[in-house]
Amino acid sequence: MTGKTEQTTAAAAEALGYEQARDELIEVVRRLEAGGTTLEESLALWERGEELAKVCRRWLDGARARLDAALAEEAEAADSEEPE
């Protein structure tokens, strides 16, 4: 891939939702495990899988951050309601 093509592909991957990226990643892994592809095709699939895994990780990290923030707010609210 050329640098511009890689940037375009990465940008397209970033636009995917978690479920879309996960489902495509599952398909990429299935195709790699099945074999029967050329070395060039396998490398392209591997690179796509890496991009998709990063997208999934960012979604999961974001979800974890939101959950942590919500739990922290809940804990602060509970602390401020306790009588002194």
N, C-alpha and C. Protein backbone atom coordinates (compact mmCIF):
# COMPACT_ATOMS: atom_id res chain seq x y z
N MET A 1 0.82 -1.19 0.00
CA MET A 1 0.00 0.00 0.00
C MET A 1 0.86 1.24 0.00
N THR A 2 0.34 2.27 -0.62
CA THR A 2 1.06 3.53 -0.59
C THR A 2 0.69 4.27 0.68
N GLY A 3 1.46 5.27 1.02
CA GLY A 3 1.19 6.04 2.22
C GLY A 3 -0.19 6.66 2.21
N LYS A 4 -0.61 7.21 1.06
CA LYS A 4 -1.93 7.83 0.96
C LYS A 4 -3.03 6.80 1.12
N THR A 5 -2.87 5.63 0.51
CA THR A 5 -3.86 4.57 0.63
C THR A 5 -3.97 4.10 2.08
N GLU A 6 -2.85 3.98 2.77
CA GLU A 6 -2.86 3.57 4.17
C GLU A 6 -3.60 4.59 5.02
N GLN A 7 -3.39 5.88 4.75
CA GLN A 7 -4.08 6.93 5.50
C GLN A 7 -5.58 6.87 5.25
N THR A 8 -5.98 6.65 4.01
CA THR A 8 -7.39 6.57 3.67
C THR A 8 -8.04 5.37 4.35
N THR A 9 -7.35 4.22 4.31
CA THR A 9 -7.86 3.01 4.94
C THR A 9 -7.97 3.20 6.45
N ALA A 10 -6.97 3.80 7.06
CA ALA A 10 -6.99 4.03 8.50
C ALA A 10 -8.12 4.99 8.87
N ALA A 11 -8.33 6.02 8.07
CA ALA A 11 -9.42 6.96 8.33
C ALA A 11 -10.77 6.27 8.22
N ALA A 12 -10.91 5.39 7.24
CA ALA A 12 -12.16 4.64 7.09
C ALA A 12 -12.38 3.73 8.29
N ALA A 13 -11.33 3.12 8.79
CA ALA A 13 -11.45 2.24 9.96
C ALA A 13 -11.87 3.05 11.18
N GLU A 14 -11.36 4.27 11.31
CA GLU A 14 -11.71 5.11 12.45
C GLU A 14 -13.20 5.45 12.47
N ALA A 15 -13.83 5.50 11.30
CA ALA A 15 -15.24 5.86 11.21
C ALA A 15 -16.16 4.71 11.61
N LEU A 16 -15.62 3.53 11.78
CA LEU A 16 -16.44 2.36 12.11
C LEU A 16 -16.86 2.39 13.58
N GLY A 17 -18.05 1.90 13.83
CA GLY A 17 -18.49 1.68 15.20
C GLY A 17 -17.82 0.43 15.73
N TYR A 18 -17.95 0.22 17.04
CA TYR A 18 -17.30 -0.94 17.66
C TYR A 18 -17.78 -2.25 17.04
N GLU A 19 -19.09 -2.42 16.94
CA GLU A 19 -19.63 -3.68 16.43
C GLU A 19 -19.21 -3.94 15.00
N GLN A 20 -19.19 -2.88 14.18
CA GLN A 20 -18.75 -3.04 12.79
C GLN A 20 -17.29 -3.47 12.73
N ALA A 21 -16.45 -2.80 13.50
CA ALA A 21 -15.02 -3.13 13.50
C ALA A 21 -14.80 -4.55 14.02
N ARG A 22 -15.51 -4.91 15.09
CA ARG A 22 -15.38 -6.25 15.66
C ARG A 22 -15.80 -7.32 14.65
N ASP A 23 -16.93 -7.10 14.00
CA ASP A 23 -17.42 -8.09 13.04
C ASP A 23 -16.46 -8.25 11.85
N GLU A 24 -15.93 -7.12 11.38
CA GLU A 24 -14.97 -7.21 10.27
C GLU A 24 -13.68 -7.89 10.73
N LEU A 25 -13.27 -7.61 11.95
CA LEU A 25 -12.07 -8.25 12.49
C LEU A 25 -12.26 -9.76 12.59
N ILE A 26 -13.42 -10.19 13.01
CA ILE A 26 -13.73 -11.63 13.08
C ILE A 26 -13.61 -12.25 11.69
N GLU A 27 -14.12 -11.56 10.68
CA GLU A 27 -14.04 -12.07 9.31
C GLU A 27 -12.59 -12.13 8.82
N VAL A 28 -11.80 -11.12 9.15
CA VAL A 28 -10.39 -11.11 8.76
C VAL A 28 -9.67 -12.30 9.38
N VAL A 29 -9.90 -12.52 10.67
CA VAL A 29 -9.25 -13.65 11.36
C VAL A 29 -9.69 -14.97 10.73
N ARG A 30 -10.98 -15.10 10.44
CA ARG A 30 -11.49 -16.32 9.82
C ARG A 30 -10.79 -16.58 8.49
N ARG A 31 -10.64 -15.54 7.68
CA ARG A 31 -9.99 -15.69 6.38
C ARG A 31 -8.51 -16.06 6.53
N LEU A 32 -7.84 -15.45 7.49
CA LEU A 32 -6.43 -15.78 7.72
C LEU A 32 -6.28 -17.22 8.21
N GLU A 33 -7.16 -17.63 9.10
CA GLU A 33 -7.07 -18.99 9.62
C GLU A 33 -7.41 -20.03 8.55
N ALA A 34 -8.29 -19.68 7.63
CA ALA A 34 -8.69 -20.62 6.57
C ALA A 34 -7.55 -20.86 5.58
N GLY A 35 -6.66 -19.88 5.45
CA GLY A 35 -5.55 -20.01 4.52
C GLY A 35 -6.02 -19.88 3.08
N GLY A 36 -5.18 -20.31 2.17
CA GLY A 36 -5.53 -20.26 0.76
C GLY A 36 -5.36 -18.90 0.12
N THR A 37 -4.75 -17.95 0.84
CA THR A 37 -4.52 -16.64 0.26
C THR A 37 -3.03 -16.50 -0.07
N THR A 38 -2.75 -15.59 -0.96
CA THR A 38 -1.35 -15.34 -1.30
C THR A 38 -0.68 -14.60 -0.14
N LEU A 39 0.62 -14.54 -0.19
CA LEU A 39 1.36 -13.82 0.84
C LEU A 39 0.92 -12.36 0.87
N GLU A 40 0.78 -11.76 -0.30
CA GLU A 40 0.37 -10.35 -0.37
C GLU A 40 -1.02 -10.16 0.23
N GLU A 41 -1.94 -11.06 -0.09
CA GLU A 41 -3.31 -10.97 0.46
C GLU A 41 -3.29 -11.17 1.97
N SER A 42 -2.49 -12.11 2.43
CA SER A 42 -2.39 -12.37 3.86
C SER A 42 -1.83 -11.16 4.60
N LEU A 43 -0.83 -10.52 4.03
CA LEU A 43 -0.26 -9.32 4.65
C LEU A 43 -1.29 -8.19 4.70
N ALA A 44 -2.04 -8.02 3.62
CA ALA A 44 -3.08 -6.98 3.59
C ALA A 44 -4.15 -7.28 4.63
N LEU A 45 -4.54 -8.54 4.75
CA LEU A 45 -5.52 -8.91 5.77
C LEU A 45 -4.98 -8.66 7.17
N TRP A 46 -3.73 -9.01 7.40
CA TRP A 46 -3.10 -8.79 8.70
C TRP A 46 -3.10 -7.30 9.06
N GLU A 47 -2.71 -6.47 8.09
CA GLU A 47 -2.67 -5.03 8.33
C GLU A 47 -4.07 -4.49 8.63
N ARG A 48 -5.07 -4.97 7.90
CA ARG A 48 -6.45 -4.54 8.15
C ARG A 48 -6.87 -4.99 9.55
N GLY A 49 -6.51 -6.21 9.91
CA GLY A 49 -6.84 -6.70 11.23
C GLY A 49 -6.22 -5.86 12.34
N GLU A 50 -4.98 -5.44 12.13
CA GLU A 50 -4.32 -4.57 13.11
C GLU A 50 -5.07 -3.25 13.26
N GLU A 51 -5.48 -2.66 12.14
CA GLU A 51 -6.23 -1.40 12.18
C GLU A 51 -7.55 -1.59 12.92
N LEU A 52 -8.24 -2.67 12.61
CA LEU A 52 -9.53 -2.94 13.25
C LEU A 52 -9.37 -3.20 14.74
N ALA A 53 -8.32 -3.91 15.11
CA ALA A 53 -8.06 -4.16 16.53
C ALA A 53 -7.82 -2.84 17.27
N LYS A 54 -7.11 -1.91 16.65
CA LYS A 54 -6.88 -0.60 17.27
C LYS A 54 -8.18 0.16 17.45
N VAL A 55 -9.05 0.09 16.44
CA VAL A 55 -10.36 0.76 16.54
C VAL A 55 -11.15 0.17 17.71
N CYS A 56 -11.18 -1.15 17.80
CA CYS A 56 -11.90 -1.81 18.90
C CYS A 56 -11.31 -1.41 20.24
N ARG A 57 -9.99 -1.39 20.34
CA ARG A 57 -9.34 -1.02 21.59
C ARG A 57 -9.69 0.41 22.00
N ARG A 58 -9.71 1.33 21.03
CA ARG A 58 -10.07 2.72 21.35
C ARG A 58 -11.51 2.81 21.86
N TRP A 59 -12.43 2.08 21.21
CA TRP A 59 -13.82 2.07 21.67
C TRP A 59 -13.90 1.52 23.10
N LEU A 60 -13.21 0.43 23.35
CA LEU A 60 -13.26 -0.17 24.68
C LEU A 60 -12.61 0.72 25.74
N ASP A 61 -11.49 1.34 25.38
CA ASP A 61 -10.84 2.27 26.31
C ASP A 61 -11.76 3.46 26.62
N GLY A 62 -12.44 3.96 25.58
CA GLY A 62 -13.39 5.06 25.79
C GLY A 62 -14.54 4.65 26.68
N ALA A 63 -15.05 3.46 26.48
CA ALA A 63 -16.14 2.96 27.31
C ALA A 63 -15.68 2.83 28.75
N ARG A 64 -14.47 2.32 28.96
CA ARG A 64 -13.92 2.17 30.30
C ARG A 64 -13.77 3.53 30.97
N ALA A 65 -13.30 4.52 30.23
CA ALA A 65 -13.12 5.86 30.79
C ALA A 65 -14.47 6.45 31.21
N ARG A 66 -15.50 6.25 30.37
CA ARG A 66 -16.84 6.75 30.71
C ARG A 66 -17.39 6.05 31.94
N LEU A 67 -17.18 4.74 32.03
CA LEU A 67 -17.65 3.99 33.18
C LEU A 67 -16.92 4.44 34.44
N ASP A 68 -15.61 4.61 34.35
CA ASP A 68 -14.84 5.07 35.51
C ASP A 68 -15.31 6.45 35.96
N ALA A 69 -15.58 7.35 35.00
CA ALA A 69 -16.04 8.69 35.35
C ALA A 69 -17.41 8.64 36.02
N ALA A 70 -18.30 7.80 35.51
CA ALA A 70 -19.62 7.68 36.11
C ALA A 70 -19.53 7.11 37.52
N LEU A 71 -18.68 6.12 37.72
CA LEU A 71 -18.51 5.54 39.06
C LEU A 71 -17.89 6.55 40.02
N ALA A 72 -16.97 7.36 39.54
CA ALA A 72 -16.35 8.38 40.38
C ALA A 72 -17.38 9.43 40.79
N GLU A 73 -18.23 9.82 39.86
CA GLU A 73 -19.29 10.79 40.18
C GLU A 73 -20.25 10.22 41.21
N GLU A 74 -20.59 8.95 41.04
CA GLU A 74 -21.49 8.29 41.98
C GLU A 74 -20.87 8.24 43.37
N ALA A 75 -19.59 7.92 43.43
CA ALA A 75 -18.89 7.85 44.72
C ALA A 75 -18.83 9.23 45.37
N GLU A 76 -18.57 10.28 44.58
CA GLU A 76 -18.53 11.64 45.11
C GLU A 76 -19.90 12.05 45.65
N ALA A 77 -20.94 11.70 44.91
CA ALA A 77 -22.30 12.04 45.35
C ALA A 77 -22.63 11.33 46.65
N ALA A 78 -22.24 10.06 46.77
CA ALA A 78 -22.50 9.29 47.98
C ALA A 78 -21.73 9.88 49.16
N ASP A 79 -20.48 10.30 48.91
CA ASP A 79 -19.68 10.89 49.99
C ASP A 79 -20.27 12.22 50.46
N SER A 80 -20.81 13.01 49.54
CA SER A 80 -21.34 14.31 49.92
C SER A 80 -22.69 14.18 50.64
N GLU A 81 -23.37 13.03 50.51
CA GLU A 81 -24.66 12.82 51.16
C GLU A 81 -24.51 12.27 52.57
N GLU A 82 -23.35 11.74 52.92
CA GLU A 82 -23.14 11.17 54.26
C GLU A 82 -23.14 12.27 55.30
N PRO A 83 -23.88 12.05 56.41
CA PRO A 83 -23.86 13.06 57.49
C PRO A 83 -22.51 13.06 58.19
N GLU A 84 -22.13 14.23 58.64
CA GLU A 84 -20.84 14.35 59.32
C GLU A 84 -20.97 14.22 60.80
